[in-house]
Amino acid sequence: MMRDGLRGRDRFHARIGVLLVAVAALAACRSTTQVGDLLSDPGRYDGRKVRVEGEVGAAAGLLGRGAYQIDDGTGSLPVVSKEYGVPAQGTHVTVEGIFHALFTLGSKSLAVLEQTRSANP
């Protein structure tokens, strides 16, 4: 009888282990993309949802809308916020949105991130 109880606990612990691995895998899926990677290959990311993390540079907003620059050390990208407001300059944020490659001229690319999730300081 004691053996059946231990087997049940072992199965329980195995299931918990599998659950923890699954949660860790899901968390890894929400990784950030470097701004430098976005700007060096804009066609690859155009129209895709990405997450970037960095420091807020110049920022302007009014009535919950606005725009700001985010710099992660590999590059700087403008972020357009239609409903989440604008974080204060100098704030470190992670932001998710749709990447839009506007144009590339030579080695320079102009792109914007349309924010789809609130920036979290």
PDB file of N, CA and C in Angstrom:
ATOM      1  N   MET A   1       0.821  -1.192   0.000  1.00  0.00           N
ATOM      2  CA  MET A   1       0.000   0.000   0.000  1.00  0.00           C
ATOM      3  C   MET A   1       0.863   1.253   0.000  1.00  0.00           C
ATOM      4  N   MET A   2       1.935   1.218   0.755  1.00  0.00           N
ATOM      5  CA  MET A   2       2.831   2.363   0.840  1.00  0.00           C
ATOM      6  C   MET A   2       3.477   2.665  -0.521  1.00  0.00           C
ATOM      7  N   ARG A   3       3.762   1.597  -1.280  1.00  0.00           N
ATOM      8  CA  ARG A   3       4.383   1.782  -2.585  1.00  0.00           C
ATOM      9  C   ARG A   3       3.460   2.538  -3.536  1.00  0.00           C
ATOM     10  N   ASP A   4       2.166   2.238  -3.524  1.00  0.00           N
ATOM     11  CA  ASP A   4       1.219   2.929  -4.397  1.00  0.00           C
ATOM     12  C   ASP A   4       1.161   4.413  -4.067  1.00  0.00           C
ATOM     13  N   GLY A   5       1.244   4.738  -2.787  1.00  0.00           N
ATOM     14  CA  GLY A   5       1.241   6.136  -2.371  1.00  0.00           C
ATOM     15  C   GLY A   5       2.460   6.879  -2.872  1.00  0.00           C
ATOM     16  N   LEU A   6       3.612   6.233  -2.831  1.00  0.00           N
ATOM     17  CA  LEU A   6       4.832   6.869  -3.327  1.00  0.00           C
ATOM     18  C   LEU A   6       4.781   7.044  -4.833  1.00  0.00           C
ATOM     19  N   ARG A   7       4.253   6.059  -5.527  1.00  0.00           N
ATOM     20  CA  ARG A   7       4.141   6.188  -6.984  1.00  0.00           C
ATOM     21  C   ARG A   7       3.236   7.359  -7.345  1.00  0.00           C
ATOM     22  N   GLY A   8       2.154   7.501  -6.602  1.00  0.00           N
ATOM     23  CA  GLY A   8       1.252   8.618  -6.846  1.00  0.00           C
ATOM     24  C   GLY A   8       1.948   9.955  -6.633  1.00  0.00           C
ATOM     25  N   ARG A   9       2.747  10.038  -5.568  1.00  0.00           N
ATOM     26  CA  ARG A   9       3.503  11.276  -5.324  1.00  0.00           C
ATOM     27  C   ARG A   9       4.550  11.502  -6.394  1.00  0.00           C
ATOM     28  N   ASP A  10       5.206  10.436  -6.831  1.00  0.00           N
ATOM     29  CA  ASP A  10       6.213  10.563  -7.888  1.00  0.00           C
ATOM     30  C   ASP A  10       5.569  11.079  -9.178  1.00  0.00           C
ATOM     31  N   ARG A  11       4.398  10.545  -9.505  1.00  0.00           N
ATOM     32  CA  ARG A  11       3.689  11.021 -10.699  1.00  0.00           C
ATOM     33  C   ARG A  11       3.301  12.491 -10.540  1.00  0.00           C
ATOM     34  N   PHE A  12       2.865  12.855  -9.368  1.00  0.00           N
ATOM     35  CA  PHE A  12       2.500  14.248  -9.092  1.00  0.00           C
ATOM     36  C   PHE A  12       3.706  15.160  -9.294  1.00  0.00           C
ATOM     37  N   HIS A  13       4.852  14.781  -8.734  1.00  0.00           N
ATOM     38  CA  HIS A  13       6.061  15.600  -8.879  1.00  0.00           C
ATOM     39  C   HIS A  13       6.516  15.666 -10.336  1.00  0.00           C
ATOM     40  N   ALA A  14       6.367  14.574 -11.053  1.00  0.00           N
ATOM     41  CA  ALA A  14       6.722  14.573 -12.474  1.00  0.00           C
ATOM     42  C   ALA A  14       5.826  15.543 -13.238  1.00  0.00           C
ATOM     43  N   ARG A  15       4.539  15.552 -12.920  1.00  0.00           N
ATOM     44  CA  ARG A  15       3.614  16.476 -13.600  1.00  0.00           C
ATOM     45  C   ARG A  15       3.947  17.934 -13.268  1.00  0.00           C
ATOM     46  N   ILE A  16       4.292  18.178 -12.031  1.00  0.00           N
ATOM     47  CA  ILE A  16       4.699  19.540 -11.637  1.00  0.00           C
ATOM     48  C   ILE A  16       5.946  19.941 -12.406  1.00  0.00           C
ATOM     49  N   GLY A  17       6.899  19.023 -12.545  1.00  0.00           N
ATOM     50  CA  GLY A  17       8.122  19.300 -13.298  1.00  0.00           C
ATOM     51  C   GLY A  17       7.832  19.645 -14.745  1.00  0.00           C
ATOM     52  N   VAL A  18       6.951  18.889 -15.376  1.00  0.00           N
ATOM     53  CA  VAL A  18       6.570  19.154 -16.762  1.00  0.00           C
ATOM     54  C   VAL A  18       5.894  20.518 -16.867  1.00  0.00           C
ATOM     55  N   LEU A  19       5.039  20.833 -15.925  1.00  0.00           N
ATOM     56  CA  LEU A  19       4.360  22.131 -15.918  1.00  0.00           C
ATOM     57  C   LEU A  19       5.362  23.277 -15.793  1.00  0.00           C
ATOM     58  N   LEU A  20       6.331  23.138 -14.920  1.00  0.00           N
ATOM     59  CA  LEU A  20       7.343  24.185 -14.752  1.00  0.00           C
ATOM     60  C   LEU A  20       8.171  24.378 -16.017  1.00  0.00           C
ATOM     61  N   VAL A  21       8.525  23.288 -16.682  1.00  0.00           N
ATOM     62  CA  VAL A  21       9.275  23.383 -17.942  1.00  0.00           C
ATOM     63  C   VAL A  21       8.432  24.097 -18.995  1.00  0.00           C
ATOM     64  N   ALA A  22       7.141  23.791 -19.073  1.00  0.00           N
ATOM     65  CA  ALA A  22       6.254  24.435 -20.039  1.00  0.00           C
ATOM     66  C   ALA A  22       6.135  25.931 -19.770  1.00  0.00           C
ATOM     67  N   VAL A  23       6.010  26.302 -18.516  1.00  0.00           N
ATOM     68  CA  VAL A  23       5.926  27.724 -18.158  1.00  0.00           C
ATOM     69  C   VAL A  23       7.223  28.440 -18.530  1.00  0.00           C
ATOM     70  N   ALA A  24       8.356  27.819 -18.260  1.00  0.00           N
ATOM     71  CA  ALA A  24       9.652  28.424 -18.613  1.00  0.00           C
ATOM     72  C   ALA A  24       9.777  28.585 -20.125  1.00  0.00           C
ATOM     73  N   ALA A  25       9.296  27.609 -20.881  1.00  0.00           N
ATOM     74  CA  ALA A  25       9.354  27.704 -22.342  1.00  0.00           C
ATOM     75  C   ALA A  25       8.481  28.838 -22.852  1.00  0.00           C
ATOM     76  N   LEU A  26       7.307  29.007 -22.271  1.00  0.00           N
ATOM     77  CA  LEU A  26       6.437  30.115 -22.672  1.00  0.00           C
ATOM     78  C   LEU A  26       7.057  31.459 -22.342  1.00  0.00           C
ATOM     79  N   ALA A  27       7.699  31.558 -21.204  1.00  0.00           N
ATOM     80  CA  ALA A  27       8.357  32.809 -20.821  1.00  0.00           C
ATOM     81  C   ALA A  27       9.477  33.135 -21.789  1.00  0.00           C
ATOM     82  N   ALA A  28      10.187  32.133 -22.259  1.00  0.00           N
ATOM     83  CA  ALA A  28      11.275  32.361 -23.205  1.00  0.00           C
ATOM     84  C   ALA A  28      10.749  32.868 -24.546  1.00  0.00           C
ATOM     85  N   CYS A  29       9.525  32.509 -24.900  1.00  0.00           N
ATOM     86  CA  CYS A  29       8.930  32.955 -26.160  1.00  0.00           C
ATOM     87  C   CYS A  29       8.708  34.464 -26.172  1.00  0.00           C
ATOM     88  N   ARG A  30       8.633  35.061 -25.022  1.00  0.00           N
ATOM     89  CA  ARG A  30       8.385  36.497 -24.935  1.00  0.00           C
ATOM     90  C   ARG A  30       9.695  37.270 -24.846  1.00  0.00           C
ATOM     91  N   SER A  31      10.700  36.821 -25.552  1.00  0.00           N
ATOM     92  CA  SER A  31      11.990  37.484 -25.497  1.00  0.00           C
ATOM     93  C   SER A  31      11.946  38.786 -26.293  1.00  0.00           C
ATOM     94  N   THR A  32      12.924  39.617 -26.047  1.00  0.00           N
ATOM     95  CA  THR A  32      12.987  40.899 -26.742  1.00  0.00           C
ATOM     96  C   THR A  32      13.876  40.794 -27.978  1.00  0.00           C
ATOM     97  N   THR A  33      13.642  41.685 -28.916  1.00  0.00           N
ATOM     98  CA  THR A  33      14.443  41.793 -30.131  1.00  0.00           C
ATOM     99  C   THR A  33      15.250  43.080 -30.035  1.00  0.00           C
ATOM    100  N   GLN A  34      16.505  43.020 -30.427  1.00  0.00           N
ATOM    101  CA  GLN A  34      17.336  44.221 -30.387  1.00  0.00           C
ATOM    102  C   GLN A  34      16.936  45.158 -31.524  1.00  0.00           C
ATOM    103  N   VAL A  35      16.923  46.449 -31.223  1.00  0.00           N
ATOM    104  CA  VAL A  35      16.561  47.452 -32.220  1.00  0.00           C
ATOM    105  C   VAL A  35      17.524  47.379 -33.403  1.00  0.00           C
ATOM    106  N   GLY A  36      18.799  47.149 -33.140  1.00  0.00           N
ATOM    107  CA  GLY A  36      19.780  47.030 -34.213  1.00  0.00           C
ATOM    108  C   GLY A  36      19.430  45.921 -35.187  1.00  0.00           C
ATOM    109  N   ASP A  37      18.902  44.796 -34.679  1.00  0.00           N
ATOM    110  CA  ASP A  37      18.478  43.699 -35.551  1.00  0.00           C
ATOM    111  C   ASP A  37      17.282  44.110 -36.404  1.00  0.00           C
ATOM    112  N   LEU A  38      16.345  44.831 -35.809  1.00  0.00           N
ATOM    113  CA  LEU A  38      15.179  45.300 -36.551  1.00  0.00           C
ATOM    114  C   LEU A  38      15.588  46.214 -37.701  1.00  0.00           C
ATOM    115  N   LEU A  39      16.503  47.126 -37.414  1.00  0.00           N
ATOM    116  CA  LEU A  39      16.897  48.113 -38.414  1.00  0.00           C
ATOM    117  C   LEU A  39      17.862  47.558 -39.457  1.00  0.00           C
ATOM    118  N   SER A  40      18.615  46.510 -39.113  1.00  0.00           N
ATOM    119  CA  SER A  40      19.555  45.948 -40.086  1.00  0.00           C
ATOM    120  C   SER A  40      18.869  44.987 -41.054  1.00  0.00           C
ATOM    121  N   ASP A  41      17.712  44.453 -40.704  1.00  0.00           N
ATOM    122  CA  ASP A  41      16.960  43.553 -41.570  1.00  0.00           C
ATOM    123  C   ASP A  41      15.466  43.855 -41.459  1.00  0.00           C
ATOM    124  N   PRO A  42      15.056  45.069 -41.847  1.00  0.00           N
ATOM    125  CA  PRO A  42      13.662  45.486 -41.612  1.00  0.00           C
ATOM    126  C   PRO A  42      12.630  44.650 -42.351  1.00  0.00           C
ATOM    127  N   GLY A  43      12.959  44.128 -43.513  1.00  0.00           N
ATOM    128  CA  GLY A  43      12.015  43.317 -44.273  1.00  0.00           C
ATOM    129  C   GLY A  43      11.635  42.040 -43.544  1.00  0.00           C
ATOM    130  N   ARG A  44      12.559  41.499 -42.780  1.00  0.00           N
ATOM    131  CA  ARG A  44      12.304  40.271 -42.022  1.00  0.00           C
ATOM    132  C   ARG A  44      11.241  40.473 -40.949  1.00  0.00           C
ATOM    133  N   TYR A  45      11.219  41.662 -40.351  1.00  0.00           N
ATOM    134  CA  TYR A  45      10.326  41.934 -39.224  1.00  0.00           C
ATOM    135  C   TYR A  45       9.087  42.750 -39.602  1.00  0.00           C
ATOM    136  N   ASP A  46       9.030  43.266 -40.824  1.00  0.00           N
ATOM    137  CA  ASP A  46       7.936  44.149 -41.231  1.00  0.00           C
ATOM    138  C   ASP A  46       6.573  43.483 -41.019  1.00  0.00           C
ATOM    139  N   GLY A  47       5.702  44.168 -40.287  1.00  0.00           N
ATOM    140  CA  GLY A  47       4.356  43.671 -40.025  1.00  0.00           C
ATOM    141  C   GLY A  47       4.272  42.646 -38.903  1.00  0.00           C
ATOM    142  N   ARG A  48       5.403  42.363 -38.258  1.00  0.00           N
ATOM    143  CA  ARG A  48       5.421  41.363 -37.190  1.00  0.00           C
ATOM    144  C   ARG A  48       5.366  42.004 -35.812  1.00  0.00           C
ATOM    145  N   LYS A  49       4.819  41.248 -34.857  1.00  0.00           N
ATOM    146  CA  LYS A  49       4.791  41.699 -33.471  1.00  0.00           C
ATOM    147  C   LYS A  49       6.162  41.432 -32.856  1.00  0.00           C
ATOM    148  N   VAL A  50       6.741  42.456 -32.246  1.00  0.00           N
ATOM    149  CA  VAL A  50       8.046  42.329 -31.598  1.00  0.00           C
ATOM    150  C   VAL A  50       7.994  42.997 -30.226  1.00  0.00           C
ATOM    151  N   ARG A  51       8.967  42.646 -29.387  1.00  0.00           N
ATOM    152  CA  ARG A  51       9.141  43.293 -28.076  1.00  0.00           C
ATOM    153  C   ARG A  51      10.540  43.887 -28.053  1.00  0.00           C
ATOM    154  N   VAL A  52      10.623  45.135 -27.636  1.00  0.00           N
ATOM    155  CA  VAL A  52      11.914  45.787 -27.472  1.00  0.00           C
ATOM    156  C   VAL A  52      12.002  46.332 -26.059  1.00  0.00           C
ATOM    157  N   GLU A  53      13.226  46.460 -25.593  1.00  0.00           N
ATOM    158  CA  GLU A  53      13.463  46.960 -24.243  1.00  0.00           C
ATOM    159  C   GLU A  53      14.571  47.995 -24.328  1.00  0.00           C
ATOM    160  N   GLY A  54      14.387  49.102 -23.642  1.00  0.00           N
ATOM    161  CA  GLY A  54      15.407  50.129 -23.650  1.00  0.00           C
ATOM    162  C   GLY A  54      14.981  51.359 -22.871  1.00  0.00           C
ATOM    163  N   GLU A  55      15.734  52.412 -23.095  1.00  0.00           N
ATOM    164  CA  GLU A  55      15.491  53.668 -22.393  1.00  0.00           C
ATOM    165  C   GLU A  55      14.729  54.631 -23.286  1.00  0.00           C
ATOM    166  N   VAL A  56      13.751  55.303 -22.699  1.00  0.00           N
ATOM    167  CA  VAL A  56      12.943  56.280 -23.427  1.00  0.00           C
ATOM    168  C   VAL A  56      13.761  57.552 -23.624  1.00  0.00           C
ATOM    169  N   GLY A  57      13.829  57.986 -24.887  1.00  0.00           N
ATOM    170  CA  GLY A  57      14.504  59.239 -25.220  1.00  0.00           C
ATOM    171  C   GLY A  57      13.467  60.348 -25.328  1.00  0.00           C
ATOM    172  N   ALA A  58      13.549  61.086 -26.411  1.00  0.00           N
ATOM    173  CA  ALA A  58      12.591  62.171 -26.644  1.00  0.00           C
ATOM    174  C   ALA A  58      11.175  61.609 -26.630  1.00  0.00           C
ATOM    175  N   ALA A  59      10.261  62.335 -26.005  1.00  0.00           N
ATOM    176  CA  ALA A  59       8.883  61.870 -25.882  1.00  0.00           C
ATOM    177  C   ALA A  59       7.925  63.051 -25.940  1.00  0.00           C
ATOM    178  N   ALA A  60       6.782  62.830 -26.594  1.00  0.00           N
ATOM    179  CA  ALA A  60       5.741  63.851 -26.654  1.00  0.00           C
ATOM    180  C   ALA A  60       4.388  63.156 -26.668  1.00  0.00           C
ATOM    181  N   GLY A  61       3.466  63.669 -25.897  1.00  0.00           N
ATOM    182  CA  GLY A  61       2.151  63.057 -25.857  1.00  0.00           C
ATOM    183  C   GLY A  61       1.078  64.030 -25.444  1.00  0.00           C
ATOM    184  N   LEU A  62      -0.162  63.668 -25.768  1.00  0.00           N
ATOM    185  CA  LEU A  62      -1.308  64.479 -25.411  1.00  0.00           C
ATOM    186  C   LEU A  62      -2.539  63.586 -25.393  1.00  0.00           C
ATOM    187  N   LEU A  63      -3.296  63.620 -24.304  1.00  0.00           N
ATOM    188  CA  LEU A  63      -4.550  62.883 -24.178  1.00  0.00           C
ATOM    189  C   LEU A  63      -4.402  61.384 -24.442  1.00  0.00           C
ATOM    190  N   GLY A  64      -3.358  60.787 -23.882  1.00  0.00           N
ATOM    191  CA  GLY A  64      -3.170  59.347 -24.005  1.00  0.00           C
ATOM    192  C   GLY A  64      -2.544  58.875 -25.294  1.00  0.00           C
ATOM    193  N   ARG A  65      -2.209  59.783 -26.168  1.00  0.00           N
ATOM    194  CA  ARG A  65      -1.570  59.446 -27.449  1.00  0.00           C
ATOM    195  C   ARG A  65      -0.220  60.140 -27.519  1.00  0.00           C
ATOM    196  N   GLY A  66       0.642  59.622 -28.372  1.00  0.00           N
ATOM    197  CA  GLY A  66       1.918  60.287 -28.544  1.00  0.00           C
ATOM    198  C   GLY A  66       2.956  59.385 -29.172  1.00  0.00           C
ATOM    199  N   ALA A  67       4.190  59.827 -29.053  1.00  0.00           N
ATOM    200  CA  ALA A  67       5.308  59.084 -29.624  1.00  0.00           C
ATOM    201  C   ALA A  67       6.537  59.303 -28.760  1.00  0.00           C
ATOM    202  N   TYR A  68       7.430  58.332 -28.819  1.00  0.00           N
ATOM    203  CA  TYR A  68       8.702  58.441 -28.099  1.00  0.00           C
ATOM    204  C   TYR A  68       9.743  57.576 -28.773  1.00  0.00           C
ATOM    205  N   GLN A  69      10.981  57.871 -28.496  1.00  0.00           N
ATOM    206  CA  GLN A  69      12.110  57.084 -28.989  1.00  0.00           C
ATOM    207  C   GLN A  69      12.480  56.068 -27.923  1.00  0.00           C
ATOM    208  N   ILE A  70      12.848  54.872 -28.344  1.00  0.00           N
ATOM    209  CA  ILE A  70      13.385  53.877 -27.420  1.00  0.00           C
ATOM    210  C   ILE A  70      14.769  53.485 -27.928  1.00  0.00           C
ATOM    211  N   ASP A  71      15.730  53.485 -27.035  1.00  0.00           N
ATOM    212  CA  ASP A  71      17.119  53.172 -27.380  1.00  0.00           C
ATOM    213  C   ASP A  71      17.591  52.025 -26.499  1.00  0.00           C
ATOM    214  N   ASP A  72      18.034  50.938 -27.137  1.00  0.00           N
ATOM    215  CA  ASP A  72      18.495  49.772 -26.374  1.00  0.00           C
ATOM    216  C   ASP A  72      20.011  49.599 -26.423  1.00  0.00           C
ATOM    217  N   GLY A  73      20.711  50.598 -26.933  1.00  0.00           N
ATOM    218  CA  GLY A  73      22.159  50.513 -27.037  1.00  0.00           C
ATOM    219  C   GLY A  73      22.632  49.992 -28.386  1.00  0.00           C
ATOM    220  N   THR A  74      21.722  49.327 -29.142  1.00  0.00           N
ATOM    221  CA  THR A  74      22.071  48.841 -30.479  1.00  0.00           C
ATOM    222  C   THR A  74      21.449  49.717 -31.556  1.00  0.00           C
ATOM    223  N   GLY A  75      20.542  50.596 -31.147  1.00  0.00           N
ATOM    224  CA  GLY A  75      19.863  51.475 -32.076  1.00  0.00           C
ATOM    225  C   GLY A  75      18.704  52.170 -31.395  1.00  0.00           C
ATOM    226  N   SER A  76      18.090  53.071 -32.149  1.00  0.00           N
ATOM    227  CA  SER A  76      16.982  53.865 -31.627  1.00  0.00           C
ATOM    228  C   SER A  76      15.801  53.728 -32.583  1.00  0.00           C
ATOM    229  N   LEU A  77      14.608  53.611 -32.008  1.00  0.00           N
ATOM    230  CA  LEU A  77      13.411  53.368 -32.800  1.00  0.00           C
ATOM    231  C   LEU A  77      12.266  54.213 -32.274  1.00  0.00           C
ATOM    232  N   PRO A  78      11.538  54.908 -33.176  1.00  0.00           N
ATOM    233  CA  PRO A  78      10.354  55.633 -32.720  1.00  0.00           C
ATOM    234  C   PRO A  78       9.204  54.667 -32.418  1.00  0.00           C
ATOM    235  N   VAL A  79       8.475  54.967 -31.354  1.00  0.00           N
ATOM    236  CA  VAL A  79       7.311  54.175 -30.945  1.00  0.00           C
ATOM    237  C   VAL A  79       6.102  55.097 -30.974  1.00  0.00           C
ATOM    238  N   VAL A  80       5.039  54.673 -31.648  1.00  0.00           N
ATOM    239  CA  VAL A  80       3.798  55.439 -31.705  1.00  0.00           C
ATOM    240  C   VAL A  80       2.807  54.783 -30.750  1.00  0.00           C
ATOM    241  N   SER A  81       2.271  55.575 -29.839  1.00  0.00           N
ATOM    242  CA  SER A  81       1.331  55.080 -28.843  1.00  0.00           C
ATOM    243  C   SER A  81      -0.013  55.747 -29.070  1.00  0.00           C
ATOM    244  N   LYS A  82      -1.014  54.948 -29.410  1.00  0.00           N
ATOM    245  CA  LYS A  82      -2.336  55.491 -29.690  1.00  0.00           C
ATOM    246  C   LYS A  82      -3.269  55.452 -28.489  1.00  0.00           C
ATOM    247  N   GLU A  83      -2.964  54.580 -27.506  1.00  0.00           N
ATOM    248  CA  GLU A  83      -3.882  54.461 -26.374  1.00  0.00           C
ATOM    249  C   GLU A  83      -3.199  54.172 -25.050  1.00  0.00           C
ATOM    250  N   TYR A  84      -1.884  54.133 -25.007  1.00  0.00           N
ATOM    251  CA  TYR A  84      -1.195  53.762 -23.776  1.00  0.00           C
ATOM    252  C   TYR A  84      -0.437  54.914 -23.121  1.00  0.00           C
ATOM    253  N   GLY A  85      -0.496  56.078 -23.697  1.00  0.00           N
ATOM    254  CA  GLY A  85       0.251  57.197 -23.151  1.00  0.00           C
ATOM    255  C   GLY A  85       1.727  57.088 -23.481  1.00  0.00           C
ATOM    256  N   VAL A  86       2.491  58.020 -22.953  1.00  0.00           N
ATOM    257  CA  VAL A  86       3.922  58.098 -23.248  1.00  0.00           C
ATOM    258  C   VAL A  86       4.700  58.061 -21.942  1.00  0.00           C
ATOM    259  N   PRO A  87       5.660  57.137 -21.817  1.00  0.00           N
ATOM    260  CA  PRO A  87       6.465  57.091 -20.594  1.00  0.00           C
ATOM    261  C   PRO A  87       7.406  58.294 -20.514  1.00  0.00           C
ATOM    262  N   ALA A  88       7.840  58.599 -19.325  1.00  0.00           N
ATOM    263  CA  ALA A  88       8.732  59.740 -19.113  1.00  0.00           C
ATOM    264  C   ALA A  88      10.118  59.471 -19.715  1.00  0.00           C
ATOM    265  N   GLN A  89      10.730  60.528 -20.199  1.00  0.00           N
ATOM    266  CA  GLN A  89      12.082  60.428 -20.741  1.00  0.00           C
ATOM    267  C   GLN A  89      13.020  59.863 -19.672  1.00  0.00           C
ATOM    268  N   GLY A  90      13.891  58.942 -20.082  1.00  0.00           N
ATOM    269  CA  GLY A  90      14.837  58.332 -19.165  1.00  0.00           C
ATOM    270  C   GLY A  90      14.331  57.061 -18.504  1.00  0.00           C
ATOM    271  N   THR A  91      13.037  56.754 -18.657  1.00  0.00           N
ATOM    272  CA  THR A  91      12.451  55.542 -18.088  1.00  0.00           C
ATOM    273  C   THR A  91      12.905  54.322 -18.879  1.00  0.00           C
ATOM    274  N   HIS A  92      13.194  53.226 -18.173  1.00  0.00           N
ATOM    275  CA  HIS A  92      13.527  51.958 -18.828  1.00  0.00           C
ATOM    276  C   HIS A  92      12.231  51.177 -19.009  1.00  0.00           C
ATOM    277  N   VAL A  93      11.904  50.808 -20.269  1.00  0.00           N
ATOM    278  CA  VAL A  93      10.640  50.133 -20.558  1.00  0.00           C
ATOM    279  C   VAL A  93      10.840  48.918 -21.455  1.00  0.00           C
ATOM    280  N   THR A  94       9.876  48.031 -21.400  1.00  0.00           N
ATOM    281  CA  THR A  94       9.722  46.958 -22.377  1.00  0.00           C
ATOM    282  C   THR A  94       8.397  47.218 -23.063  1.00  0.00           C
ATOM    283  N   VAL A  95       8.418  47.252 -24.382  1.00  0.00           N
ATOM    284  CA  VAL A  95       7.201  47.580 -25.123  1.00  0.00           C
ATOM    285  C   VAL A  95       7.007  46.566 -26.244  1.00  0.00           C
ATOM    286  N   GLU A  96       5.743  46.232 -26.500  1.00  0.00           N
ATOM    287  CA  GLU A  96       5.398  45.287 -27.553  1.00  0.00           C
ATOM    288  C   GLU A  96       4.573  46.009 -28.595  1.00  0.00           C
ATOM    289  N   GLY A  97       4.811  45.687 -29.854  1.00  0.00           N
ATOM    290  CA  GLY A  97       4.052  46.319 -30.912  1.00  0.00           C
ATOM    291  C   GLY A  97       4.332  45.715 -32.266  1.00  0.00           C
ATOM    292  N   ILE A  98       3.706  46.302 -33.279  1.00  0.00           N
ATOM    293  CA  ILE A  98       3.875  45.860 -34.658  1.00  0.00           C
ATOM    294  C   ILE A  98       4.967  46.725 -35.292  1.00  0.00           C
ATOM    295  N   PHE A  99       5.986  46.069 -35.828  1.00  0.00           N
ATOM    296  CA  PHE A  99       7.095  46.759 -36.468  1.00  0.00           C
ATOM    297  C   PHE A  99       6.712  47.091 -37.905  1.00  0.00           C
ATOM    298  N   HIS A 100       6.915  48.343 -38.297  1.00  0.00           N
ATOM    299  CA  HIS A 100       6.628  48.791 -39.659  1.00  0.00           C
ATOM    300  C   HIS A 100       7.901  49.352 -40.273  1.00  0.00           C
ATOM    301  N   ALA A 101       8.407  48.681 -41.300  1.00  0.00           N
ATOM    302  CA  ALA A 101       9.559  49.177 -42.055  1.00  0.00           C
ATOM    303  C   ALA A 101       9.019  50.176 -43.079  1.00  0.00           C
ATOM    304  N   LEU A 102       9.376  51.445 -42.921  1.00  0.00           N
ATOM    305  CA  LEU A 102       8.828  52.461 -43.815  1.00  0.00           C
ATOM    306  C   LEU A 102       9.609  52.539 -45.116  1.00  0.00           C
ATOM    307  N   PHE A 103      10.938  52.658 -45.021  1.00  0.00           N
ATOM    308  CA  PHE A 103      11.769  52.589 -46.221  1.00  0.00           C
ATOM    309  C   PHE A 103      13.230  52.396 -45.832  1.00  0.00           C
ATOM    310  N   THR A 104      14.007  51.919 -46.812  1.00  0.00           N
ATOM    311  CA  THR A 104      15.445  51.760 -46.651  1.00  0.00           C
ATOM    312  C   THR A 104      16.114  52.479 -47.798  1.00  0.00           C
ATOM    313  N   LEU A 105      17.113  53.289 -47.469  1.00  0.00           N
ATOM    314  CA  LEU A 105      17.880  54.015 -48.474  1.00  0.00           C
ATOM    315  C   LEU A 105      19.349  53.756 -48.178  1.00  0.00           C
ATOM    316  N   GLY A 106      19.974  52.962 -49.017  1.00  0.00           N
ATOM    317  CA  GLY A 106      21.358  52.573 -48.757  1.00  0.00           C
ATOM    318  C   GLY A 106      21.428  51.736 -47.498  1.00  0.00           C
ATOM    319  N   SER A 107      22.222  52.190 -46.546  1.00  0.00           N
ATOM    320  CA  SER A 107      22.363  51.440 -45.288  1.00  0.00           C
ATOM    321  C   SER A 107      21.467  51.998 -44.177  1.00  0.00           C
ATOM    322  N   LYS A 108      20.664  52.991 -44.489  1.00  0.00           N
ATOM    323  CA  LYS A 108      19.771  53.604 -43.497  1.00  0.00           C
ATOM    324  C   LYS A 108      18.345  53.102 -43.673  1.00  0.00           C
ATOM    325  N   SER A 109      17.723  52.770 -42.555  1.00  0.00           N
ATOM    326  CA  SER A 109      16.332  52.322 -42.576  1.00  0.00           C
ATOM    327  C   SER A 109      15.498  53.227 -41.685  1.00  0.00           C
ATOM    328  N   LEU A 110      14.311  53.543 -42.139  1.00  0.00           N
ATOM    329  CA  LEU A 110      13.360  54.291 -41.319  1.00  0.00           C
ATOM    330  C   LEU A 110      12.221  53.342 -40.992  1.00  0.00           C
ATOM    331  N   ALA A 111      11.944  53.211 -39.707  1.00  0.00           N
ATOM    332  CA  ALA A 111      10.907  52.287 -39.257  1.00  0.00           C
ATOM    333  C   ALA A 111      10.242  52.862 -38.016  1.00  0.00           C
ATOM    334  N   VAL A 112       9.124  52.264 -37.641  1.00  0.00           N
ATOM    335  CA  VAL A 112       8.388  52.689 -36.463  1.00  0.00           C
ATOM    336  C   VAL A 112       7.758  51.465 -35.809  1.00  0.00           C
ATOM    337  N   LEU A 113       7.593  51.540 -34.505  1.00  0.00           N
ATOM    338  CA  LEU A 113       6.909  50.485 -33.767  1.00  0.00           C
ATOM    339  C   LEU A 113       5.557  51.025 -33.321  1.00  0.00           C
ATOM    340  N   GLU A 114       4.481  50.380 -33.766  1.00  0.00           N
ATOM    341  CA  GLU A 114       3.126  50.757 -33.361  1.00  0.00           C
ATOM    342  C   GLU A 114       2.796  49.965 -32.102  1.00  0.00           C
ATOM    343  N   GLN A 115       2.738  50.635 -30.979  1.00  0.00           N
ATOM    344  CA  GLN A 115       2.575  49.983 -29.679  1.00  0.00           C
ATOM    345  C   GLN A 115       1.233  49.280 -29.562  1.00  0.00           C
ATOM    346  N   THR A 116       1.278  48.002 -29.130  1.00  0.00           N
ATOM    347  CA  THR A 116       0.052  47.226 -28.938  1.00  0.00           C
ATOM    348  C   THR A 116      -0.147  46.793 -27.488  1.00  0.00           C
ATOM    349  N   ARG A 117       0.888  46.955 -26.668  1.00  0.00           N
ATOM    350  CA  ARG A 117       0.787  46.641 -25.237  1.00  0.00           C
ATOM    351  C   ARG A 117       1.455  47.745 -24.452  1.00  0.00           C
ATOM    352  N   SER A 118       0.952  47.992 -23.306  1.00  0.00           N
ATOM    353  CA  SER A 118       1.453  49.061 -22.459  1.00  0.00           C
ATOM    354  C   SER A 118       2.927  48.874 -22.109  1.00  0.00           C
ATOM    355  N   ALA A 119       3.662  49.967 -22.149  1.00  0.00           N
ATOM    356  CA  ALA A 119       5.054  49.963 -21.731  1.00  0.00           C
ATOM    357  C   ALA A 119       5.088  49.831 -20.219  1.00  0.00           C
ATOM    358  N   ASN A 120       5.947  48.979 -19.725  1.00  0.00           N
ATOM    359  CA  ASN A 120       6.033  48.813 -18.274  1.00  0.00           C
ATOM    360  C   ASN A 120       7.379  49.304 -17.763  1.00  0.00           C
ATOM    361  N   PRO A 121       7.349  50.285 -16.878  1.00  0.00           N
ATOM    362  CA  PRO A 121       8.612  50.804 -16.334  1.00  0.00           C
ATOM    363  C   PRO A 121       9.290  49.792 -15.434  1.00  0.00           C
TER     364      PRO A 121
END
